[in-house]
Amino acid sequence: MSIRERQRIIMEKGAENITKWVGSAASVTAHTIMFIVAFALPLLEIVSFERMLLVLTTIVSLEAIYLSIFIQMSLNMNNQNIEIIQGDIEELGTDIEELGTDIEELGDDIEEIQKDVDELGTDIEELGEDLEEISGDIEEIQKDVDELGTDIEELGEDIEELGEDIEEIQKDVDEIQEEFEEDEEEEIVPSTGNNKNEKELLLSIQATLALLQKEIEQLKAR
């Protein structure tokens, strides 16, 4: 800070303090005492009345001149402060307008967010409906799977029964085959076309039974 700037600040503070003091009760008391003393001096024959009046008039004139200067300085400072305050008020107004614009934009953003929330709620509802449909489908599939499992179990039982029947038939065929072989060995009856046909029929039945047994074993393995 320069020397002139310091002097200006000191003078402004001094002018402000003097102006405040002149408008105070202490100033009224001091001026009253000064006037009483000034008028008492001629009565006490210390100075003449004309000399006292001249000095008093000079002091009051100088005081009025300096006081008007100090008051003007205070007014100038107040005007500068008012201008600064006006500038701050204008800036504050601009900030308020910008804040209003920001609030409007924020309101628009909130509306868009609300729309997104509503759409999300609709999507969630649709997803819930889809989940319900999927759950229904899963239940139906589970029922079909259970029914299929039951059918498979029944089919397995049927296959086992068929296997047992085939085994019994195989036993009967084996017995017939043994009896047929015994008759051939004994040669009680000459070999005829009927016996040959019976033998071929037995062989065909045995081959068919063998194929059936293989298929049953494959089904059981599955």
Protein backbone atom coordinates (compact mmCIF):
# COMPACT_ATOMS: atom_id res chain seq x y z
CA MET A 1 0.00 0.00 0.00
CA SER A 2 1.36 3.42 -1.01
CA ILE A 3 1.79 6.43 1.29
CA ARG A 4 -0.99 8.36 -0.47
CA GLU A 5 -3.35 5.46 -0.04
CA ARG A 6 -2.57 5.31 3.69
CA GLN A 7 -3.06 9.07 4.05
CA ARG A 8 -6.38 8.88 2.23
CA ILE A 9 -7.58 6.08 4.49
CA ILE A 10 -6.48 7.99 7.61
CA MET A 11 -8.26 11.16 6.44
CA GLU A 12 -11.43 9.27 5.60
CA LYS A 13 -11.48 7.58 9.00
CA GLY A 14 -10.72 10.90 10.75
CA ALA A 15 -13.48 12.71 8.83
CA GLU A 16 -15.93 9.93 9.67
CA ASN A 17 -14.99 10.02 13.37
CA ILE A 18 -15.19 13.85 13.56
CA THR A 19 -18.58 13.85 11.82
CA LYS A 20 -19.88 11.26 14.26
CA TRP A 21 -18.48 13.23 17.22
CA VAL A 22 -20.04 16.54 16.08
CA GLY A 23 -23.46 14.88 16.04
CA SER A 24 -23.04 13.45 19.54
CA ALA A 25 -24.03 14.74 23.04
CA ALA A 26 -20.35 15.29 23.90
CA SER A 27 -20.04 17.80 21.05
CA VAL A 28 -23.06 19.75 22.31
CA THR A 29 -21.58 19.85 25.81
CA ALA A 30 -18.14 20.94 24.59
CA HIS A 31 -19.59 23.73 22.42
CA THR A 32 -21.80 24.92 25.27
CA ILE A 33 -18.83 25.09 27.63
CA MET A 34 -16.78 26.92 25.00
CA PHE A 35 -19.46 29.55 24.49
CA ILE A 36 -19.91 30.03 28.26
CA VAL A 37 -16.16 30.49 28.73
CA ALA A 38 -15.97 32.86 25.75
CA PHE A 39 -18.74 35.14 27.08
CA ALA A 40 -17.40 34.92 30.62
CA LEU A 41 -13.97 36.28 29.63
CA PRO A 42 -15.26 39.84 28.88
CA LEU A 43 -17.34 39.81 32.07
CA LEU A 44 -14.20 38.97 34.02
CA GLU A 45 -12.43 41.75 32.07
CA ILE A 46 -9.77 39.32 30.86
CA VAL A 47 -10.27 40.31 27.22
CA SER A 48 -12.49 42.85 25.59
CA PHE A 49 -15.85 41.82 24.20
CA GLU A 50 -14.92 42.82 20.63
CA ARG A 51 -11.71 40.74 20.73
CA MET A 52 -13.55 37.73 22.20
CA LEU A 53 -16.27 38.03 19.60
CA LEU A 54 -13.70 38.23 16.79
CA VAL A 55 -11.85 35.16 18.01
CA LEU A 56 -15.05 33.24 18.61
CA THR A 57 -16.42 34.14 15.17
CA THR A 58 -13.17 33.07 13.56
CA ILE A 59 -13.18 29.73 15.41
CA VAL A 60 -16.82 29.04 14.58
CA SER A 61 -16.27 29.92 10.90
CA LEU A 62 -13.26 27.64 10.63
CA GLU A 63 -15.15 24.88 12.42
CA ALA A 64 -18.07 25.28 10.01
CA ILE A 65 -15.77 25.18 6.99
CA TYR A 66 -13.92 22.05 8.13
CA LEU A 67 -17.14 20.44 9.30
CA SER A 68 -18.73 20.94 5.86
CA ILE A 69 -15.60 19.44 4.26
CA PHE A 70 -15.74 16.45 6.58
CA ILE A 71 -19.45 16.01 5.92
CA GLN A 72 -18.84 16.11 2.17
CA MET A 73 -16.08 13.55 2.51
CA SER A 74 -18.45 11.31 4.49
CA LEU A 75 -21.11 11.76 1.80
CA ASN A 76 -18.62 10.84 -0.90
CA MET A 77 -17.61 7.72 0.99
CA ASN A 78 -21.25 6.84 1.54
CA ASN A 79 -21.94 7.31 -2.19
CA GLN A 80 -19.05 5.00 -3.04
CA ASN A 81 -20.35 2.44 -0.60
CA ILE A 82 -23.84 2.80 -2.08
CA GLU A 83 -22.46 2.24 -5.58
CA ILE A 84 -20.61 -0.85 -4.35
CA ILE A 85 -23.78 -2.08 -2.66
CA GLN A 86 -25.77 -1.44 -5.85
CA GLY A 87 -23.22 -3.46 -7.82
CA ASP A 88 -23.49 -6.27 -5.29
CA ILE A 89 -27.30 -6.10 -5.53
CA GLU A 90 -27.13 -6.32 -9.33
CA GLU A 91 -24.79 -9.29 -9.10
CA LEU A 92 -27.12 -10.84 -6.52
CA GLY A 93 -30.06 -10.29 -8.90
CA THR A 94 -28.13 -11.98 -11.69
CA ASP A 95 -27.27 -14.86 -9.39
CA ILE A 96 -30.96 -15.15 -8.41
CA GLU A 97 -31.99 -15.26 -12.09
CA GLU A 98 -29.39 -17.95 -12.79
CA LEU A 99 -30.59 -19.83 -9.72
CA GLY A 100 -34.16 -19.61 -11.03
CA THR A 101 -33.03 -20.99 -14.37
CA ASP A 102 -31.19 -23.80 -12.59
CA ILE A 103 -34.32 -24.55 -10.54
CA GLU A 104 -36.42 -24.74 -13.72
CA GLU A 105 -33.89 -27.09 -15.32
CA LEU A 106 -33.86 -29.15 -12.13
CA GLY A 107 -37.66 -29.32 -12.28
CA ASP A 108 -37.45 -30.58 -15.87
CA ASP A 109 -34.88 -33.16 -14.83
CA ILE A 110 -37.14 -34.28 -11.98
CA GLU A 111 -40.07 -34.66 -14.41
CA GLU A 112 -37.92 -36.74 -16.76
CA ILE A 113 -36.74 -38.87 -13.84
CA GLN A 114 -40.37 -39.35 -12.76
CA LYS A 115 -41.26 -40.46 -16.29
CA ASP A 116 -38.34 -42.91 -16.25
CA VAL A 117 -39.51 -44.20 -12.86
CA ASP A 118 -43.05 -44.68 -14.20
CA GLU A 119 -41.73 -46.51 -17.26
CA LEU A 120 -39.54 -48.64 -15.02
CA GLY A 121 -42.56 -49.46 -12.88
CA THR A 122 -44.48 -50.51 -15.99
CA ASP A 123 -41.55 -52.67 -17.10
CA ILE A 124 -41.41 -54.26 -13.66
CA GLU A 125 -45.14 -55.03 -13.82
CA GLU A 126 -44.74 -56.57 -17.28
CA LEU A 127 -41.75 -58.54 -16.02
CA GLY A 128 -43.84 -59.78 -13.11
CA GLU A 129 -46.56 -60.91 -15.50
CA ASP A 130 -43.95 -62.67 -17.65
CA LEU A 131 -42.55 -64.37 -14.56
CA GLU A 132 -46.04 -65.53 -13.60
CA GLU A 133 -46.54 -66.92 -17.11
CA ILE A 134 -43.13 -68.61 -16.97
CA SER A 135 -44.01 -70.07 -13.57
CA GLY A 136 -47.24 -71.44 -15.03
CA ASP A 137 -45.34 -72.91 -17.95
CA ILE A 138 -42.81 -74.45 -15.57
CA GLU A 139 -45.62 -76.01 -13.54
CA GLU A 140 -47.17 -77.44 -16.70
CA ILE A 141 -43.78 -78.75 -17.84
CA GLN A 142 -43.24 -80.27 -14.39
CA LYS A 143 -46.63 -81.96 -14.64
CA ASP A 144 -45.71 -83.31 -18.10
CA VAL A 145 -42.36 -84.49 -16.74
CA ASP A 146 -44.10 -86.23 -13.85
CA GLU A 147 -46.57 -87.85 -16.24
CA LEU A 148 -43.71 -88.86 -18.53
CA GLY A 149 -41.87 -90.33 -15.55
CA THR A 150 -44.98 -92.27 -14.62
CA ASP A 151 -45.32 -93.48 -18.21
CA ILE A 152 -41.66 -94.49 -18.23
CA GLU A 153 -42.11 -96.41 -14.99
CA GLU A 154 -45.19 -98.14 -16.39
CA LEU A 155 -43.30 -98.87 -19.62
CA GLY A 156 -40.44 -100.33 -17.59
CA GLU A 157 -42.87 -102.55 -15.73
CA ASP A 158 -44.39 -103.61 -19.04
CA ILE A 159 -40.93 -104.37 -20.42
CA GLU A 160 -40.09 -106.43 -17.36
CA GLU A 161 -43.36 -108.34 -17.72
CA LEU A 162 -42.67 -108.82 -21.43
CA GLY A 163 -39.20 -110.09 -20.58
CA GLU A 164 -40.67 -112.54 -18.13
CA ASP A 165 -43.18 -113.70 -20.73
CA ILE A 166 -40.40 -114.10 -23.29
CA GLU A 167 -38.38 -116.11 -20.78
CA GLU A 168 -41.36 -118.40 -20.19
CA ILE A 169 -41.90 -118.74 -23.94
CA GLN A 170 -38.19 -119.47 -24.33
CA LYS A 171 -38.47 -122.16 -21.70
CA ASP A 172 -41.46 -123.69 -23.51
CA VAL A 173 -39.60 -123.54 -26.81
CA ASP A 174 -36.55 -125.16 -25.23
CA GLU A 175 -38.75 -127.96 -23.85
CA ILE A 176 -40.36 -128.49 -27.25
CA GLN A 177 -36.89 -128.45 -28.86
CA GLU A 178 -35.66 -131.08 -26.41
CA GLU A 179 -38.71 -133.25 -27.03
CA PHE A 180 -38.26 -132.88 -30.76
CA GLU A 181 -34.58 -133.85 -30.53
CA GLU A 182 -35.43 -136.87 -28.35
CA ASP A 183 -37.98 -138.04 -30.93
CA GLU A 184 -35.38 -137.73 -33.68
CA GLU A 185 -32.83 -139.69 -31.68
CA GLU A 186 -35.28 -142.48 -30.95
CA GLU A 187 -36.32 -142.46 -34.67
CA ILE A 188 -39.70 -143.76 -33.72
CA VAL A 189 -41.29 -141.87 -36.53
CA PRO A 190 -39.53 -141.35 -39.84
CA SER A 191 -38.64 -137.78 -40.62
CA THR A 192 -41.39 -136.14 -42.61
CA GLY A 193 -42.07 -132.73 -44.10
CA ASN A 194 -44.18 -131.77 -41.11
CA ASN A 195 -41.33 -132.47 -38.70
CA LYS A 196 -39.01 -130.41 -40.85
CA ASN A 197 -41.46 -127.54 -40.87
CA GLU A 198 -41.87 -127.77 -37.11
CA LYS A 199 -38.12 -127.66 -36.69
CA GLU A 200 -37.79 -124.59 -38.89
CA LEU A 201 -40.66 -122.94 -36.98
CA LEU A 202 -38.91 -123.61 -33.69
CA LEU A 203 -35.68 -122.11 -35.00
CA SER A 204 -37.56 -119.07 -36.27
CA ILE A 205 -39.26 -118.63 -32.88
CA GLN A 206 -35.92 -118.91 -31.08
CA ALA A 207 -34.37 -116.25 -33.36
CA THR A 208 -37.33 -113.96 -32.80
CA LEU A 209 -37.15 -114.46 -29.04
CA ALA A 210 -33.40 -113.68 -29.11
CA LEU A 211 -34.03 -110.43 -30.96
CA LEU A 212 -36.79 -109.49 -28.50
CA GLN A 213 -34.48 -110.16 -25.54
CA LYS A 214 -31.77 -107.93 -27.04
CA GLU A 215 -34.25 -105.12 -27.61
CA ILE A 216 -35.58 -105.44 -24.05
CA GLU A 217 -32.03 -105.31 -22.65
CA GLN A 218 -31.34 -102.18 -24.71
CA LEU A 219 -34.55 -100.55 -23.45
CA LYS A 220 -33.60 -101.37 -19.85
CA ALA A 221 -30.13 -99.87 -20.39
CA ARG A 222 -31.72 -96.58 -21.57
